[in-house]
Amino acid sequence: MCTGRSADEASEPLGSHQRVESVYPNKFPGVAVLKQGFGAPREQNHMTYCLGIVTDDGLVMASDSRTNAGFDQVNVCRKMYHFVQPGERVFVILSSGSLSISQSVITQLRSDFEAGEGLAQSDSLYHAARVVGDCVRRISDIDRAALERDNYSFNVHLLLGGQVKGEQPSLYLIYPQGNPLRATYDSPYLQLGECKYGRPILDRGVDAATSLEVAAKYALLSFDATIRSNVTVGPPIEIVLYRKDSFDLTEYRRFSASDQDLNLIHTSWEQSLRRAVESLPEIEFRKPPPQRLIA
């Protein structure tokens, strides 16, 4: 069973591509693969994958840690941030898009929070989402013109999950314009970045009644599918569980590419999936109908 760790655990470098191969052996023949197809300044929206799931029991928030800084430079950088007032409010933010913009937004939010303002005064998750959106607009007012003058887009998307005392946990997506979108009972998860590969498993298995432990497994399988299909997403993977009304973060993991738990989940899932397919009813094939020439 996966054990919890402190959400303040120090970052660990990705290291060589051999560590990635330990979990995904058919995907990374060499570091050169990581250098293909990057560098267009305006469009790097898929150089990440972030996921938030909200259930009756709380929240699961997860992000990869890969980022791109140019044509041939792939770096590791944390995309998960948390703001906690024990007993009152808990917020977890995941980011995608421009690293410089997201860092500016988080820095401003952190400064306000530590001064007892902004998120520290939010009396609802919707208000908190508006606080984050207003901060995005403030950074936009400072940086957007200069970025667009040099053909860079103002590109940042954020997932905000958490709980304020007196409310249920909730989950929001904040757009570059600052407006928020809330996850609903019928659609209890939100994604950022490279979404399409990891979505089918979530659509099949996750709903509001899913336990946090099971939702965490679905989250890791969603990342597994994305990493298998897109080289720009990769470990380390950060995941944190927030339990409703706890107002604290105590269940956290950071999975490196060589993590034994991640490796076990990956191989177990592949083996189970193959067995499930092989056990499906046989398909009855027939002789194809005759083809007629068209005059």
C-alpha atoms as a PDB file:
ATOM      1  CA  MET A   1       0.000   0.000   0.000  1.00  0.00           C
ATOM      2  CA  CYS A   2       1.234   3.508  -0.781  1.00  0.00           C
ATOM      3  CA  THR A   3       2.283   5.472   2.265  1.00  0.00           C
ATOM      4  CA  GLY A   4       1.650   9.151   2.877  1.00  0.00           C
ATOM      5  CA  ARG A   5       4.407  11.751   2.949  1.00  0.00           C
ATOM      6  CA  SER A   6       4.655  15.400   3.889  1.00  0.00           C
ATOM      7  CA  ALA A   7       3.440  17.831   1.217  1.00  0.00           C
ATOM      8  CA  ASP A   8       6.648  19.820   1.828  1.00  0.00           C
ATOM      9  CA  GLU A   9       8.889  16.966   0.659  1.00  0.00           C
ATOM     10  CA  ALA A  10      11.816  18.304  -1.314  1.00  0.00           C
ATOM     11  CA  SER A  11      11.878  18.004  -5.110  1.00  0.00           C
ATOM     12  CA  GLU A  12      13.962  15.263  -6.683  1.00  0.00           C
ATOM     13  CA  PRO A  13      15.559  15.581 -10.142  1.00  0.00           C
ATOM     14  CA  LEU A  14      14.260  13.328 -12.870  1.00  0.00           C
ATOM     15  CA  GLY A  15      17.722  12.069 -13.669  1.00  0.00           C
ATOM     16  CA  SER A  16      18.634  10.032 -16.734  1.00  0.00           C
ATOM     17  CA  HIS A  17      16.237   8.479 -19.222  1.00  0.00           C
ATOM     18  CA  GLN A  18      17.113   5.025 -17.901  1.00  0.00           C
ATOM     19  CA  ARG A  19      14.993   5.758 -14.812  1.00  0.00           C
ATOM     20  CA  VAL A  20      12.033   6.510 -17.048  1.00  0.00           C
ATOM     21  CA  GLU A  21      12.565   3.215 -18.855  1.00  0.00           C
ATOM     22  CA  SER A  22      12.130   1.305 -15.593  1.00  0.00           C
ATOM     23  CA  VAL A  23       8.418   2.100 -15.649  1.00  0.00           C
ATOM     24  CA  TYR A  24       7.729   2.640 -19.351  1.00  0.00           C
ATOM     25  CA  PRO A  25      10.198   0.329 -21.107  1.00  0.00           C
ATOM     26  CA  ASN A  26       8.866   0.693 -24.661  1.00  0.00           C
ATOM     27  CA  LYS A  27       8.570   4.435 -24.726  1.00  0.00           C
ATOM     28  CA  PHE A  28      11.952   6.091 -24.158  1.00  0.00           C
ATOM     29  CA  PRO A  29      14.671   4.648 -26.422  1.00  0.00           C
ATOM     30  CA  GLY A  30      16.894   7.608 -25.591  1.00  0.00           C
ATOM     31  CA  VAL A  31      17.076  11.174 -24.438  1.00  0.00           C
ATOM     32  CA  ALA A  32      16.927  12.406 -28.038  1.00  0.00           C
ATOM     33  CA  VAL A  33      13.243  11.466 -28.157  1.00  0.00           C
ATOM     34  CA  LEU A  34      12.544  14.106 -25.544  1.00  0.00           C
ATOM     35  CA  LYS A  35      13.971  16.794 -27.810  1.00  0.00           C
ATOM     36  CA  GLN A  36      11.720  16.373 -30.824  1.00  0.00           C
ATOM     37  CA  GLY A  37       8.955  18.759 -31.733  1.00  0.00           C
ATOM     38  CA  PHE A  38       9.398  21.481 -29.114  1.00  0.00           C
ATOM     39  CA  GLY A  39      10.310  25.133 -29.257  1.00  0.00           C
ATOM     40  CA  ALA A  40       7.422  27.016 -30.889  1.00  0.00           C
ATOM     41  CA  PRO A  41       7.067  29.996 -28.561  1.00  0.00           C
ATOM     42  CA  ARG A  42       3.318  30.503 -28.804  1.00  0.00           C
ATOM     43  CA  GLU A  43       2.110  26.931 -28.448  1.00  0.00           C
ATOM     44  CA  GLN A  44       3.362  24.681 -25.657  1.00  0.00           C
ATOM     45  CA  ASN A  45      -0.001  23.930 -24.101  1.00  0.00           C
ATOM     46  CA  HIS A  46       0.463  20.159 -23.942  1.00  0.00           C
ATOM     47  CA  MET A  47       3.773  20.094 -22.070  1.00  0.00           C
ATOM     48  CA  THR A  48       1.978  19.007 -18.920  1.00  0.00           C
ATOM     49  CA  TYR A  49      -0.871  17.022 -17.449  1.00  0.00           C
ATOM     50  CA  CYS A  50      -2.753  18.036 -14.312  1.00  0.00           C
ATOM     51  CA  LEU A  51      -5.872  16.438 -12.861  1.00  0.00           C
ATOM     52  CA  GLY A  52      -8.317  17.244 -10.099  1.00  0.00           C
ATOM     53  CA  ILE A  53     -11.080  14.905  -8.893  1.00  0.00           C
ATOM     54  CA  VAL A  54     -13.760  15.921  -6.395  1.00  0.00           C
ATOM     55  CA  THR A  55     -15.856  13.247  -4.672  1.00  0.00           C
ATOM     56  CA  ASP A  56     -18.176  12.997  -1.696  1.00  0.00           C
ATOM     57  CA  ASP A  57     -15.120  12.192   0.447  1.00  0.00           C
ATOM     58  CA  GLY A  58     -12.848  15.024  -0.675  1.00  0.00           C
ATOM     59  CA  LEU A  59     -10.328  15.740  -3.412  1.00  0.00           C
ATOM     60  CA  VAL A  60      -7.544  14.094  -5.388  1.00  0.00           C
ATOM     61  CA  MET A  61      -5.091  16.514  -7.014  1.00  0.00           C
ATOM     62  CA  ALA A  62      -2.258  15.286  -9.245  1.00  0.00           C
ATOM     63  CA  SER A  63       0.293  16.774 -11.625  1.00  0.00           C
ATOM     64  CA  ASP A  64       3.308  15.748 -13.644  1.00  0.00           C
ATOM     65  CA  SER A  65       6.558  17.674 -13.231  1.00  0.00           C
ATOM     66  CA  ARG A  66       7.926  18.004 -16.749  1.00  0.00           C
ATOM     67  CA  THR A  67       8.390  21.356 -18.427  1.00  0.00           C
ATOM     68  CA  ASN A  68      10.078  22.645 -21.579  1.00  0.00           C
ATOM     69  CA  ALA A  69      12.463  25.587 -21.726  1.00  0.00           C
ATOM     70  CA  GLY A  70      13.391  25.557 -25.410  1.00  0.00           C
ATOM     71  CA  PHE A  71      14.133  23.435 -28.446  1.00  0.00           C
ATOM     72  CA  ASP A  72      16.290  20.874 -26.663  1.00  0.00           C
ATOM     73  CA  GLN A  73      15.903  21.472 -22.930  1.00  0.00           C
ATOM     74  CA  VAL A  74      13.475  19.377 -20.892  1.00  0.00           C
ATOM     75  CA  ASN A  75      13.384  20.259 -17.212  1.00  0.00           C
ATOM     76  CA  VAL A  76      11.581  19.144 -14.082  1.00  0.00           C
ATOM     77  CA  CYS A  77       9.577  21.679 -12.122  1.00  0.00           C
ATOM     78  CA  ARG A  78       6.869  21.322  -9.490  1.00  0.00           C
ATOM     79  CA  LYS A  79       3.373  22.386 -10.624  1.00  0.00           C
ATOM     80  CA  MET A  80       1.518  21.767  -7.354  1.00  0.00           C
ATOM     81  CA  TYR A  81       1.145  24.434  -4.663  1.00  0.00           C
ATOM     82  CA  HIS A  82      -0.809  24.414  -1.415  1.00  0.00           C
ATOM     83  CA  PHE A  83      -2.161  27.045   0.976  1.00  0.00           C
ATOM     84  CA  VAL A  84      -3.355  25.854   4.385  1.00  0.00           C
ATOM     85  CA  GLN A  85      -4.934  27.524   7.401  1.00  0.00           C
ATOM     86  CA  PRO A  86      -5.496  24.561   9.767  1.00  0.00           C
ATOM     87  CA  GLY A  87      -9.108  24.240  10.792  1.00  0.00           C
ATOM     88  CA  GLU A  88     -10.280  27.006   8.448  1.00  0.00           C
ATOM     89  CA  ARG A  89      -9.357  26.537   4.791  1.00  0.00           C
ATOM     90  CA  VAL A  90      -7.223  24.427   2.471  1.00  0.00           C
ATOM     91  CA  PHE A  91      -6.360  25.187  -1.159  1.00  0.00           C
ATOM     92  CA  VAL A  92      -4.325  23.185  -3.677  1.00  0.00           C
ATOM     93  CA  ILE A  93      -3.396  24.805  -6.985  1.00  0.00           C
ATOM     94  CA  LEU A  94      -2.084  23.003 -10.085  1.00  0.00           C
ATOM     95  CA  SER A  95      -0.666  24.989 -13.003  1.00  0.00           C
ATOM     96  CA  SER A  96      -0.077  24.581 -16.721  1.00  0.00           C
ATOM     97  CA  GLY A  97       1.125  26.901 -19.460  1.00  0.00           C
ATOM     98  CA  SER A  98       3.945  29.405 -19.181  1.00  0.00           C
ATOM     99  CA  LEU A  99       6.128  28.577 -16.193  1.00  0.00           C
ATOM    100  CA  SER A 100       7.152  32.215 -15.714  1.00  0.00           C
ATOM    101  CA  ILE A 101       3.532  33.375 -15.634  1.00  0.00           C
ATOM    102  CA  SER A 102       2.366  30.636 -13.260  1.00  0.00           C
ATOM    103  CA  GLN A 103       5.296  31.354 -10.934  1.00  0.00           C
ATOM    104  CA  SER A 104       4.384  35.035 -10.893  1.00  0.00           C
ATOM    105  CA  VAL A 105       0.755  34.216 -10.074  1.00  0.00           C
ATOM    106  CA  ILE A 106       1.705  31.817  -7.277  1.00  0.00           C
ATOM    107  CA  THR A 107       4.247  34.235  -5.845  1.00  0.00           C
ATOM    108  CA  GLN A 108       1.641  36.990  -5.648  1.00  0.00           C
ATOM    109  CA  LEU A 109      -0.959  34.641  -4.156  1.00  0.00           C
ATOM    110  CA  ARG A 110       1.560  33.425  -1.571  1.00  0.00           C
ATOM    111  CA  SER A 111       2.562  36.950  -0.619  1.00  0.00           C
ATOM    112  CA  ASP A 112      -1.068  37.971  -0.115  1.00  0.00           C
ATOM    113  CA  PHE A 113      -1.881  34.762   1.782  1.00  0.00           C
ATOM    114  CA  GLU A 114       0.989  35.201   4.221  1.00  0.00           C
ATOM    115  CA  ALA A 115      -0.135  38.784   4.777  1.00  0.00           C
ATOM    116  CA  GLY A 116      -3.614  37.541   5.724  1.00  0.00           C
ATOM    117  CA  GLU A 117      -5.181  38.732   2.476  1.00  0.00           C
ATOM    118  CA  GLY A 118      -6.484  37.141  -0.721  1.00  0.00           C
ATOM    119  CA  LEU A 119      -7.001  33.415  -0.250  1.00  0.00           C
ATOM    120  CA  ALA A 120      -6.564  33.835   3.511  1.00  0.00           C
ATOM    121  CA  GLN A 121      -9.843  35.783   3.606  1.00  0.00           C
ATOM    122  CA  SER A 122     -11.864  33.720   1.108  1.00  0.00           C
ATOM    123  CA  ASP A 123     -15.175  32.601   2.604  1.00  0.00           C
ATOM    124  CA  SER A 124     -16.007  30.151  -0.208  1.00  0.00           C
ATOM    125  CA  LEU A 125     -14.267  28.207  -2.962  1.00  0.00           C
ATOM    126  CA  TYR A 126     -15.980  30.401  -5.533  1.00  0.00           C
ATOM    127  CA  HIS A 127     -14.559  33.487  -3.834  1.00  0.00           C
ATOM    128  CA  ALA A 128     -11.147  31.813  -3.763  1.00  0.00           C
ATOM    129  CA  ALA A 129     -11.422  31.074  -7.499  1.00  0.00           C
ATOM    130  CA  ARG A 130     -12.226  34.741  -8.084  1.00  0.00           C
ATOM    131  CA  VAL A 131      -9.199  35.747  -6.009  1.00  0.00           C
ATOM    132  CA  VAL A 132      -6.977  33.537  -8.164  1.00  0.00           C
ATOM    133  CA  GLY A 133      -8.597  34.895 -11.331  1.00  0.00           C
ATOM    134  CA  ASP A 134      -8.035  38.482 -10.196  1.00  0.00           C
ATOM    135  CA  CYS A 135      -4.381  37.641  -9.555  1.00  0.00           C
ATOM    136  CA  VAL A 136      -4.072  36.219 -13.088  1.00  0.00           C
ATOM    137  CA  ARG A 137      -5.493  39.483 -14.435  1.00  0.00           C
ATOM    138  CA  ARG A 138      -3.013  41.516 -12.390  1.00  0.00           C
ATOM    139  CA  ILE A 139      -0.096  39.570 -13.847  1.00  0.00           C
ATOM    140  CA  SER A 140      -1.670  39.926 -17.287  1.00  0.00           C
ATOM    141  CA  ASP A 141      -1.741  43.695 -16.893  1.00  0.00           C
ATOM    142  CA  ILE A 142       1.982  43.620 -16.111  1.00  0.00           C
ATOM    143  CA  ASP A 143       3.282  41.065 -18.648  1.00  0.00           C
ATOM    144  CA  ARG A 144       0.825  40.438 -21.488  1.00  0.00           C
ATOM    145  CA  ALA A 145       1.792  43.373 -23.727  1.00  0.00           C
ATOM    146  CA  ALA A 146       5.506  42.619 -23.545  1.00  0.00           C
ATOM    147  CA  LEU A 147       4.963  38.915 -24.193  1.00  0.00           C
ATOM    148  CA  GLU A 148       2.689  39.437 -27.191  1.00  0.00           C
ATOM    149  CA  ARG A 149       5.059  42.048 -28.622  1.00  0.00           C
ATOM    150  CA  ASP A 150       7.635  39.257 -28.930  1.00  0.00           C
ATOM    151  CA  ASN A 151       5.099  36.725 -30.249  1.00  0.00           C
ATOM    152  CA  TYR A 152       4.558  34.891 -26.950  1.00  0.00           C
ATOM    153  CA  SER A 153       1.036  34.216 -25.733  1.00  0.00           C
ATOM    154  CA  PHE A 154      -0.173  34.911 -22.208  1.00  0.00           C
ATOM    155  CA  ASN A 155      -0.830  31.266 -21.428  1.00  0.00           C
ATOM    156  CA  VAL A 156      -1.678  30.021 -17.950  1.00  0.00           C
ATOM    157  CA  HIS A 157      -4.402  27.666 -16.704  1.00  0.00           C
ATOM    158  CA  LEU A 158      -4.912  26.726 -13.076  1.00  0.00           C
ATOM    159  CA  LEU A 159      -6.844  24.097 -11.151  1.00  0.00           C
ATOM    160  CA  LEU A 160      -7.991  25.165  -7.697  1.00  0.00           C
ATOM    161  CA  GLY A 161      -9.263  22.537  -5.290  1.00  0.00           C
ATOM    162  CA  GLY A 162      -9.974  22.757  -1.609  1.00  0.00           C
ATOM    163  CA  GLN A 163     -12.451  23.541   1.124  1.00  0.00           C
ATOM    164  CA  VAL A 164     -13.457  26.500   3.258  1.00  0.00           C
ATOM    165  CA  LYS A 165     -15.026  25.854   6.668  1.00  0.00           C
ATOM    166  CA  GLY A 166     -18.809  25.661   6.386  1.00  0.00           C
ATOM    167  CA  GLU A 167     -18.759  24.458   2.737  1.00  0.00           C
ATOM    168  CA  GLN A 168     -18.221  21.207   0.877  1.00  0.00           C
ATOM    169  CA  PRO A 169     -14.929  20.596  -0.984  1.00  0.00           C
ATOM    170  CA  SER A 170     -14.970  21.929  -4.526  1.00  0.00           C
ATOM    171  CA  LEU A 171     -12.851  22.150  -7.654  1.00  0.00           C
ATOM    172  CA  TYR A 172     -12.410  24.982 -10.180  1.00  0.00           C
ATOM    173  CA  LEU A 173     -10.534  25.621 -13.408  1.00  0.00           C
ATOM    174  CA  ILE A 174      -9.301  29.200 -13.886  1.00  0.00           C
ATOM    175  CA  TYR A 175      -8.724  30.392 -17.446  1.00  0.00           C
ATOM    176  CA  PRO A 176      -6.068  32.896 -18.664  1.00  0.00           C
ATOM    177  CA  GLN A 177      -8.779  35.574 -18.685  1.00  0.00           C
ATOM    178  CA  GLY A 178      -9.371  34.942 -14.970  1.00  0.00           C
ATOM    179  CA  ASN A 179     -12.857  33.411 -15.201  1.00  0.00           C
ATOM    180  CA  PRO A 180     -13.556  30.164 -13.262  1.00  0.00           C
ATOM    181  CA  LEU A 181     -15.314  26.923 -14.216  1.00  0.00           C
ATOM    182  CA  ARG A 182     -16.544  24.563 -11.482  1.00  0.00           C
ATOM    183  CA  ALA A 183     -16.565  20.757 -11.564  1.00  0.00           C
ATOM    184  CA  THR A 184     -20.090  19.360 -11.094  1.00  0.00           C
ATOM    185  CA  TYR A 185     -21.671  16.282  -9.564  1.00  0.00           C
ATOM    186  CA  ASP A 186     -22.085  14.743 -13.033  1.00  0.00           C
ATOM    187  CA  SER A 187     -18.591  15.793 -14.157  1.00  0.00           C
ATOM    188  CA  PRO A 188     -16.489  15.436 -11.005  1.00  0.00           C
ATOM    189  CA  TYR A 189     -13.051  15.969 -12.515  1.00  0.00           C
ATOM    190  CA  LEU A 190     -11.145  18.679 -14.400  1.00  0.00           C
ATOM    191  CA  GLN A 191      -7.945  18.407 -16.441  1.00  0.00           C
ATOM    192  CA  LEU A 192      -5.189  20.680 -17.719  1.00  0.00           C
ATOM    193  CA  GLY A 193      -2.750  20.208 -20.575  1.00  0.00           C
ATOM    194  CA  GLU A 194      -2.625  16.893 -22.443  1.00  0.00           C
ATOM    195  CA  CYS A 195      -6.106  15.656 -21.545  1.00  0.00           C
ATOM    196  CA  LYS A 196      -7.304  13.269 -24.225  1.00  0.00           C
ATOM    197  CA  TYR A 197      -5.289  10.154 -23.396  1.00  0.00           C
ATOM    198  CA  GLY A 198      -6.130  10.129 -19.702  1.00  0.00           C
ATOM    199  CA  ARG A 199      -9.813  10.972 -19.997  1.00  0.00           C
ATOM    200  CA  PRO A 200     -11.425   7.650 -21.090  1.00  0.00           C
ATOM    201  CA  ILE A 201     -10.446   5.786 -17.909  1.00  0.00           C
ATOM    202  CA  LEU A 202     -11.895   8.626 -15.812  1.00  0.00           C
ATOM    203  CA  ASP A 203     -15.159   8.665 -17.769  1.00  0.00           C
ATOM    204  CA  ARG A 204     -15.552   4.921 -17.222  1.00  0.00           C
ATOM    205  CA  GLY A 205     -14.739   4.739 -13.530  1.00  0.00           C
ATOM    206  CA  VAL A 206     -14.939   8.009 -11.588  1.00  0.00           C
ATOM    207  CA  ASP A 207     -18.074   9.523 -10.081  1.00  0.00           C
ATOM    208  CA  ALA A 208     -18.990  11.487  -6.972  1.00  0.00           C
ATOM    209  CA  ALA A 209     -19.381   8.294  -4.904  1.00  0.00           C
ATOM    210  CA  THR A 210     -15.867   7.020  -5.686  1.00  0.00           C
ATOM    211  CA  SER A 211     -13.698   6.714  -2.586  1.00  0.00           C
ATOM    212  CA  LEU A 212     -10.536   8.798  -2.412  1.00  0.00           C
ATOM    213  CA  GLU A 213      -8.341   5.686  -2.406  1.00  0.00           C
ATOM    214  CA  VAL A 214      -9.937   4.394  -5.601  1.00  0.00           C
ATOM    215  CA  ALA A 215      -9.989   7.865  -7.176  1.00  0.00           C
ATOM    216  CA  ALA A 216      -6.241   8.089  -6.545  1.00  0.00           C
ATOM    217  CA  LYS A 217      -5.738   4.826  -8.445  1.00  0.00           C
ATOM    218  CA  TYR A 218      -7.808   6.135 -11.347  1.00  0.00           C
ATOM    219  CA  ALA A 219      -5.712   9.298 -11.316  1.00  0.00           C
ATOM    220  CA  LEU A 220      -2.473   7.317 -11.585  1.00  0.00           C
ATOM    221  CA  LEU A 221      -3.931   5.169 -14.378  1.00  0.00           C
ATOM    222  CA  SER A 222      -4.946   8.351 -16.180  1.00  0.00           C
ATOM    223  CA  PHE A 223      -1.361   9.557 -15.934  1.00  0.00           C
ATOM    224  CA  ASP A 224      -0.099   6.148 -17.030  1.00  0.00           C
ATOM    225  CA  ALA A 225      -2.177   6.323 -20.221  1.00  0.00           C
ATOM    226  CA  THR A 226      -1.016   9.869 -20.923  1.00  0.00           C
ATOM    227  CA  ILE A 227       2.661   9.100 -20.378  1.00  0.00           C
ATOM    228  CA  ARG A 228       2.448   6.032 -22.617  1.00  0.00           C
ATOM    229  CA  SER A 229       1.004   8.106 -25.470  1.00  0.00           C
ATOM    230  CA  ASN A 230       2.741  11.471 -25.150  1.00  0.00           C
ATOM    231  CA  VAL A 231       6.463  11.898 -24.512  1.00  0.00           C
ATOM    232  CA  THR A 232       6.019  15.479 -23.291  1.00  0.00           C
ATOM    233  CA  VAL A 233       4.331  14.268 -20.084  1.00  0.00           C
ATOM    234  CA  GLY A 234       6.370  12.342 -17.563  1.00  0.00           C
ATOM    235  CA  PRO A 235       7.402  11.684 -13.975  1.00  0.00           C
ATOM    236  CA  PRO A 236       7.841  12.785 -11.297  1.00  0.00           C
ATOM    237  CA  ILE A 237       4.114  12.656 -10.560  1.00  0.00           C
ATOM    238  CA  GLU A 238       2.804  14.470  -7.501  1.00  0.00           C
ATOM    239  CA  ILE A 239      -0.501  13.441  -5.944  1.00  0.00           C
ATOM    240  CA  VAL A 240      -2.235  14.630  -2.797  1.00  0.00           C
ATOM    241  CA  LEU A 241      -5.474  13.474  -1.164  1.00  0.00           C
ATOM    242  CA  TYR A 242      -7.590  15.908   0.798  1.00  0.00           C
ATOM    243  CA  ARG A 243     -10.206  14.399   3.117  1.00  0.00           C
ATOM    244  CA  LYS A 244     -13.376  16.399   3.638  1.00  0.00           C
ATOM    245  CA  ASP A 245     -13.464  18.528   6.819  1.00  0.00           C
ATOM    246  CA  SER A 246      -9.857  17.682   7.767  1.00  0.00           C
ATOM    247  CA  PHE A 247      -8.526  21.128   6.770  1.00  0.00           C
ATOM    248  CA  ASP A 248      -5.048  19.688   6.474  1.00  0.00           C
ATOM    249  CA  LEU A 249      -2.902  17.860   3.911  1.00  0.00           C
ATOM    250  CA  THR A 250      -1.370  14.671   5.292  1.00  0.00           C
ATOM    251  CA  GLU A 251      -1.539  12.177   2.385  1.00  0.00           C
ATOM    252  CA  TYR A 252       0.960  13.038  -0.320  1.00  0.00           C
ATOM    253  CA  ARG A 253       3.217  11.117  -2.704  1.00  0.00           C
ATOM    254  CA  ARG A 254       5.787  12.081  -5.276  1.00  0.00           C
ATOM    255  CA  PHE A 255       6.443   9.246  -7.704  1.00  0.00           C
ATOM    256  CA  SER A 256       9.758   9.270  -9.539  1.00  0.00           C
ATOM    257  CA  ALA A 257      10.104   7.220 -12.720  1.00  0.00           C
ATOM    258  CA  SER A 258      11.754   4.407 -10.769  1.00  0.00           C
ATOM    259  CA  ASP A 259       9.277   4.365  -7.871  1.00  0.00           C
ATOM    260  CA  GLN A 260       8.394   0.756  -6.974  1.00  0.00           C
ATOM    261  CA  ASP A 261       4.737   1.547  -6.212  1.00  0.00           C
ATOM    262  CA  LEU A 262       4.283   3.327  -9.544  1.00  0.00           C
ATOM    263  CA  ASN A 263       6.044   0.487 -11.342  1.00  0.00           C
ATOM    264  CA  LEU A 264       3.798  -2.086  -9.648  1.00  0.00           C
ATOM    265  CA  ILE A 265       0.604  -0.190 -10.540  1.00  0.00           C
ATOM    266  CA  HIS A 266       1.790   0.171 -14.137  1.00  0.00           C
ATOM    267  CA  THR A 267       2.638  -3.502 -14.652  1.00  0.00           C
ATOM    268  CA  SER A 268      -0.411  -4.781 -12.742  1.00  0.00           C
ATOM    269  CA  TRP A 269      -2.720  -2.621 -14.830  1.00  0.00           C
ATOM    270  CA  GLU A 270      -1.193  -3.747 -18.130  1.00  0.00           C
ATOM    271  CA  GLN A 271      -1.404  -7.405 -17.144  1.00  0.00           C
ATOM    272  CA  SER A 272      -4.987  -7.055 -15.882  1.00  0.00           C
ATOM    273  CA  LEU A 273      -6.028  -5.208 -19.031  1.00  0.00           C
ATOM    274  CA  ARG A 274      -4.569  -7.900 -21.280  1.00  0.00           C
ATOM    275  CA  ARG A 275      -6.305 -10.653 -19.298  1.00  0.00           C
ATOM    276  CA  ALA A 276      -9.603  -8.764 -19.445  1.00  0.00           C
ATOM    277  CA  VAL A 277      -9.375  -8.389 -23.222  1.00  0.00           C
ATOM    278  CA  GLU A 278      -8.458 -12.045 -23.686  1.00  0.00           C
ATOM    279  CA  SER A 279     -11.454 -13.113 -21.573  1.00  0.00           C
ATOM    280  CA  LEU A 280     -13.988 -11.156 -23.640  1.00  0.00           C
ATOM    281  CA  PRO A 281     -16.532 -13.205 -25.669  1.00  0.00           C
ATOM    282  CA  GLU A 282     -15.173 -14.445 -28.967  1.00  0.00           C
ATOM    283  CA  ILE A 283     -16.119 -12.463 -32.059  1.00  0.00           C
ATOM    284  CA  GLU A 284     -18.050 -14.452 -34.671  1.00  0.00           C
ATOM    285  CA  PHE A 285     -16.709 -13.678 -38.130  1.00  0.00           C
ATOM    286  CA  ARG A 286     -18.475 -14.387 -41.406  1.00  0.00           C
ATOM    287  CA  LYS A 287     -17.572 -14.541 -45.040  1.00  0.00           C
ATOM    288  CA  PRO A 288     -17.639 -11.050 -46.570  1.00  0.00           C
ATOM    289  CA  PRO A 289     -20.528 -10.295 -48.969  1.00  0.00           C
ATOM    290  CA  PRO A 290     -19.756 -10.383 -52.701  1.00  0.00           C
ATOM    291  CA  GLN A 291     -18.649  -7.099 -54.234  1.00  0.00           C
ATOM    292  CA  ARG A 292     -20.311  -5.891 -57.409  1.00  0.00           C
ATOM    293  CA  LEU A 293     -18.698  -3.834 -60.069  1.00  0.00           C
ATOM    294  CA  ILE A 294     -20.104  -0.359 -60.433  1.00  0.00           C
ATOM    295  CA  ALA A 295     -20.961   0.433 -64.051  1.00  0.00           C
END
